[in-house]
Amino acid sequence: MKEADPVILATDLSKQFRDFWRRPKVSAVRGVSFEVQRGEVFGLLGPNGSGKSTTIKMILGLLHPTRGALRVLGCDPRDVHAKARMGYLPEESYLYPYLTAEETLEFYGKLFDLDRGERRSRIAQLLDMIGLSHARRRKIGEFSKGMMRRIGLAQALINDPDLVILDEPTSGLDPIGCRQIKDLITTLARRGKTVLLSSHLLADVEDVCDRVMILYNGQVQAIGPIRDLLEMRSRSRILLPPDIEADAMRRILAAIRAELGADPEIDHPRKDLEQYFLEVVERARREARDASGVGSASAVATYLAAPAGVSVDELARLAAPDSPTPPVASPRAEDRPDDANRKLADLVKPDDASRST
């Protein structure tokens, strides 16, 4: 597979399920074509029964297309070499309840033929990353749904995959866990890994995805970059500095009113509820003497966060207390059309049909 080749390339992809007598029963996917590039976070959206799960199963090589072509990592999806470079978190994680968290990751590490030293190192990093180091010897059957989702995510990353497929990754997680998962997805993409994300939580998709595809009745209804799909070209927003004086504000509003012949709409920027929740919990965490439940999660596992061309040892050296702090992933503010950090020049467009503030 060449560097510029798509990680996923689907052409006229169709899947038809048949009954016992081979008669057509359900057309789950109908002529779907799309591609996903290296380092991209691609959202697969649609209501229940739209063909998302069937598409994912074909990408994983669990189902074979009835018609069309599908290449994953330059190979047939059923090729064992392609499967070795994938990580998959299903919508429901089916884990052995009598194994501990550590034993579960040990099991999956052996499936990928990782040597003992590498397995132990990655397991320790992953348990720190998901905040479950303190529960490493507890049986999975004793875990809450949110804790099981964290272990499921860790097993999907144990092989340091090039393609990560996440089906409802934030299901059952608290807002802190959701934020950590989104930061992790952003970090993986910045390292050059490809993430295919399927979720019904559209706010999470909007936060992290570069492009999305919306399916309905097995067909593509919309596909494209988040910004292009959501941008309202008929409206504009003007951001003013927070310390503007009242007299200056009145003059600005009067000028706009004279130009438009109508009063502009005025509102104040708001934090989203997730941001406010995280601030409150972080403040409470600093003041608390003890805590229960999931522990504090560490940064992304070192072997996952190392940028292309930088060794894990070099990244660890940079992360030492007496060294400059390496860049940490953050939500992609530049991908949000309504983000308050966008410049005024990007918001006011001369060809807009109407303007409002």
Foldseek 3Di string as FASTA:
>chain_A
DDQFDFQKWWFQFWAFDADPVRHTDATQAGGDTDTHHWLFEEEEEEDPSQNPVVVVCLQCVVDPTPDTDMAHRNHRNVDVVRNLQFFEQAPADDFDQAAFLLVRQVVLLVVSPDDPVLSVQLSCLLCQQLQNPVRRRPGNNPDDRQVVLSSSVSSRCSSVHQEYEYEASCPPHDLVNLQSVLLLLQLLSQQGGYYYYYHPPVVSCLFHGQKYFYGGSNYTPDIDGPCVVPDDLQEFDADDDPPDDPVVVVVVQVVVCVVVVDGFDDDDDDDDPSVVVVVVVVVVVVVDPDDDDRHDHDARRLVSNAHPPGDSVNQVVCCDPVHPHDDGGDTDLVSDNPRPPDDNVVGDDPPHPDYHD
